[in-house]
């Protein structure tokens, strides 16, 4: 499943659309960025409420394919600009992390 397909299936808005659409290899849910650095897998989605520039830096460091920001958190412009510079997709959803994690797990394990 590609990032765009996942966004459509989740009903998530693509708020940083300048990225190469890639297949998701999985997902990781965490709000602790050091945990993401230690445990997130290459090519996956990061599901979080951490909406700031450092989230993009960590996602890029571990080669995350997209960031899914939950709970309709406000997205600062410097975060979106950093994601654009790195070609990283950023999605926004009203759902919480638990719900998004469950839905995405189901989509990726069909």
C-alpha atoms as a PDB file:
ATOM      1  CA  UNK A   1       0.000   0.000   0.000  1.00  0.00           C
ATOM      2  CA  UNK A   2       1.364   3.387  -0.987  1.00  0.00           C
ATOM      3  CA  UNK A   3       1.338   6.527   1.117  1.00  0.00           C
ATOM      4  CA  UNK A   4      -1.433   8.057  -1.005  1.00  0.00           C
ATOM      5  CA  UNK A   5      -3.519   4.883  -0.802  1.00  0.00           C
ATOM      6  CA  UNK A   6      -3.070   4.783   2.968  1.00  0.00           C
ATOM      7  CA  UNK A   7      -4.058   8.445   3.285  1.00  0.00           C
ATOM      8  CA  UNK A   8      -7.231   7.832   1.276  1.00  0.00           C
ATOM      9  CA  UNK A   9      -8.117   4.683   3.234  1.00  0.00           C
ATOM     10  CA  UNK A  10      -7.547   6.445   6.560  1.00  0.00           C
ATOM     11  CA  UNK A  11      -9.411   9.587   5.499  1.00  0.00           C
ATOM     12  CA  UNK A  12      -6.277  11.573   6.302  1.00  0.00           C
ATOM     13  CA  UNK A  13      -5.392  14.862   4.649  1.00  0.00           C
ATOM     14  CA  UNK A  14      -2.053  15.060   2.841  1.00  0.00           C
ATOM     15  CA  UNK A  15      -0.725  18.398   4.100  1.00  0.00           C
ATOM     16  CA  UNK A  16       2.763  18.142   2.613  1.00  0.00           C
ATOM     17  CA  UNK A  17       2.167  16.746  -0.889  1.00  0.00           C
ATOM     18  CA  UNK A  18       5.652  17.058  -2.397  1.00  0.00           C
ATOM     19  CA  UNK A  19       7.020  13.543  -1.922  1.00  0.00           C
ATOM     20  CA  UNK A  20       7.669  10.390  -3.893  1.00  0.00           C
ATOM     21  CA  UNK A  21       4.739   8.041  -3.325  1.00  0.00           C
ATOM     22  CA  UNK A  22       6.233   4.844  -1.941  1.00  0.00           C
ATOM     23  CA  UNK A  23       4.975   1.566  -0.551  1.00  0.00           C
ATOM     24  CA  UNK A  24       4.771   1.538   3.233  1.00  0.00           C
ATOM     25  CA  UNK A  25       6.771  -1.248   4.855  1.00  0.00           C
ATOM     26  CA  UNK A  26       4.946  -0.904   8.177  1.00  0.00           C
ATOM     27  CA  UNK A  27       4.355   1.692  10.856  1.00  0.00           C
ATOM     28  CA  UNK A  28       5.544   2.784  14.273  1.00  0.00           C
ATOM     29  CA  UNK A  29       3.534   4.684  16.868  1.00  0.00           C
ATOM     30  CA  UNK A  30       5.328   6.828  19.414  1.00  0.00           C
ATOM     31  CA  UNK A  31       5.495  10.344  20.795  1.00  0.00           C
ATOM     32  CA  UNK A  32       8.980   9.909  22.212  1.00  0.00           C
ATOM     33  CA  UNK A  33      11.429  10.806  19.455  1.00  0.00           C
ATOM     34  CA  UNK A  34      14.344   8.907  21.014  1.00  0.00           C
ATOM     35  CA  UNK A  35      12.115   5.814  20.946  1.00  0.00           C
ATOM     36  CA  UNK A  36      11.399   6.440  17.261  1.00  0.00           C
ATOM     37  CA  UNK A  37      15.134   6.704  16.550  1.00  0.00           C
ATOM     38  CA  UNK A  38      15.779   3.413  18.315  1.00  0.00           C
ATOM     39  CA  UNK A  39      12.865   1.359  17.020  1.00  0.00           C
ATOM     40  CA  UNK A  40      11.165   2.685  13.883  1.00  0.00           C
ATOM     41  CA  UNK A  41      11.830   0.724  10.724  1.00  0.00           C
ATOM     42  CA  UNK A  42      12.977   1.967   7.350  1.00  0.00           C
ATOM     43  CA  UNK A  43      10.168   2.892   4.953  1.00  0.00           C
ATOM     44  CA  UNK A  44       7.371   2.894   7.511  1.00  0.00           C
ATOM     45  CA  UNK A  45       4.871   5.463   8.685  1.00  0.00           C
ATOM     46  CA  UNK A  46       5.347   7.330  11.952  1.00  0.00           C
ATOM     47  CA  UNK A  47       2.073   7.791  13.843  1.00  0.00           C
ATOM     48  CA  UNK A  48       2.364  10.555  16.433  1.00  0.00           C
ATOM     49  CA  UNK A  49       1.043  13.801  17.900  1.00  0.00           C
ATOM     50  CA  UNK A  50       4.516  15.390  17.853  1.00  0.00           C
ATOM     51  CA  UNK A  51       3.915  18.159  15.332  1.00  0.00           C
ATOM     52  CA  UNK A  52       7.186  20.054  15.124  1.00  0.00           C
ATOM     53  CA  UNK A  53      10.357  20.355  13.087  1.00  0.00           C
ATOM     54  CA  UNK A  54      12.290  17.841  15.225  1.00  0.00           C
ATOM     55  CA  UNK A  55       9.804  15.130  14.252  1.00  0.00           C
ATOM     56  CA  UNK A  56      10.815  15.631  10.635  1.00  0.00           C
ATOM     57  CA  UNK A  57      14.514  15.483  11.531  1.00  0.00           C
ATOM     58  CA  UNK A  58      14.067  12.179  13.366  1.00  0.00           C
ATOM     59  CA  UNK A  59      11.866  10.726  10.613  1.00  0.00           C
ATOM     60  CA  UNK A  60      14.489  11.616   8.030  1.00  0.00           C
ATOM     61  CA  UNK A  61      17.259  10.161  10.188  1.00  0.00           C
ATOM     62  CA  UNK A  62      15.579   6.734  10.325  1.00  0.00           C
ATOM     63  CA  UNK A  63      14.204   6.903   6.755  1.00  0.00           C
ATOM     64  CA  UNK A  64      10.505   7.080   7.646  1.00  0.00           C
ATOM     65  CA  UNK A  65       8.285   7.256   4.546  1.00  0.00           C
ATOM     66  CA  UNK A  66       5.606   9.495   6.060  1.00  0.00           C
ATOM     67  CA  UNK A  67       4.487  11.131   9.271  1.00  0.00           C
ATOM     68  CA  UNK A  68       0.858  10.829  10.316  1.00  0.00           C
ATOM     69  CA  UNK A  69      -0.088  13.535  12.800  1.00  0.00           C
ATOM     70  CA  UNK A  70      -3.129  12.616  14.891  1.00  0.00           C
ATOM     71  CA  UNK A  71      -5.816  14.532  16.806  1.00  0.00           C
ATOM     72  CA  UNK A  72      -5.843  17.365  14.235  1.00  0.00           C
ATOM     73  CA  UNK A  73      -2.808  18.909  15.909  1.00  0.00           C
ATOM     74  CA  UNK A  74      -1.832  22.282  14.471  1.00  0.00           C
ATOM     75  CA  UNK A  75       1.123  21.968  12.122  1.00  0.00           C
ATOM     76  CA  UNK A  76       3.748  24.702  12.304  1.00  0.00           C
ATOM     77  CA  UNK A  77       4.977  26.097   9.017  1.00  0.00           C
ATOM     78  CA  UNK A  78       8.637  25.295   9.802  1.00  0.00           C
ATOM     79  CA  UNK A  79       7.701  21.617  10.185  1.00  0.00           C
ATOM     80  CA  UNK A  80       5.977  21.529   6.808  1.00  0.00           C
ATOM     81  CA  UNK A  81       8.842  23.414   5.171  1.00  0.00           C
ATOM     82  CA  UNK A  82      11.387  20.936   6.592  1.00  0.00           C
ATOM     83  CA  UNK A  83       9.267  18.015   5.371  1.00  0.00           C
ATOM     84  CA  UNK A  84       9.025  19.593   1.916  1.00  0.00           C
ATOM     85  CA  UNK A  85      12.798  20.103   1.812  1.00  0.00           C
ATOM     86  CA  UNK A  86      13.288  16.413   2.689  1.00  0.00           C
ATOM     87  CA  UNK A  87      10.532  15.129   0.373  1.00  0.00           C
ATOM     88  CA  UNK A  88       8.704  13.646   3.363  1.00  0.00           C
ATOM     89  CA  UNK A  89       4.935  13.158   3.285  1.00  0.00           C
ATOM     90  CA  UNK A  90       2.967  14.596   6.194  1.00  0.00           C
ATOM     91  CA  UNK A  91      -0.604  13.474   6.780  1.00  0.00           C
ATOM     92  CA  UNK A  92      -3.117  14.912   9.228  1.00  0.00           C
ATOM     93  CA  UNK A  93      -6.057  13.084  10.772  1.00  0.00           C
ATOM     94  CA  UNK A  94      -8.677  13.809  13.416  1.00  0.00           C
ATOM     95  CA  UNK A  95      -8.306  10.250  14.745  1.00  0.00           C
ATOM     96  CA  UNK A  96      -6.134   9.377  17.756  1.00  0.00           C
ATOM     97  CA  UNK A  97      -2.976   7.252  17.574  1.00  0.00           C
ATOM     98  CA  UNK A  98      -4.697   4.087  18.793  1.00  0.00           C
ATOM     99  CA  UNK A  99      -7.356   4.251  16.090  1.00  0.00           C
ATOM    100  CA  UNK A 100      -4.926   5.126  13.295  1.00  0.00           C
ATOM    101  CA  UNK A 101      -2.507   2.391  14.377  1.00  0.00           C
ATOM    102  CA  UNK A 102      -5.258  -0.224  14.329  1.00  0.00           C
ATOM    103  CA  UNK A 103      -6.639   0.882  10.972  1.00  0.00           C
ATOM    104  CA  UNK A 104      -3.217   1.032   9.350  1.00  0.00           C
ATOM    105  CA  UNK A 105      -2.228  -2.368  10.746  1.00  0.00           C
ATOM    106  CA  UNK A 106      -5.374  -3.834   9.201  1.00  0.00           C
ATOM    107  CA  UNK A 107      -4.703  -2.171   5.853  1.00  0.00           C
ATOM    108  CA  UNK A 108      -1.087  -3.350   5.726  1.00  0.00           C
ATOM    109  CA  UNK A 109      -1.910  -6.930   6.738  1.00  0.00           C
ATOM    110  CA  UNK A 110      -4.664  -7.735   4.232  1.00  0.00           C
END
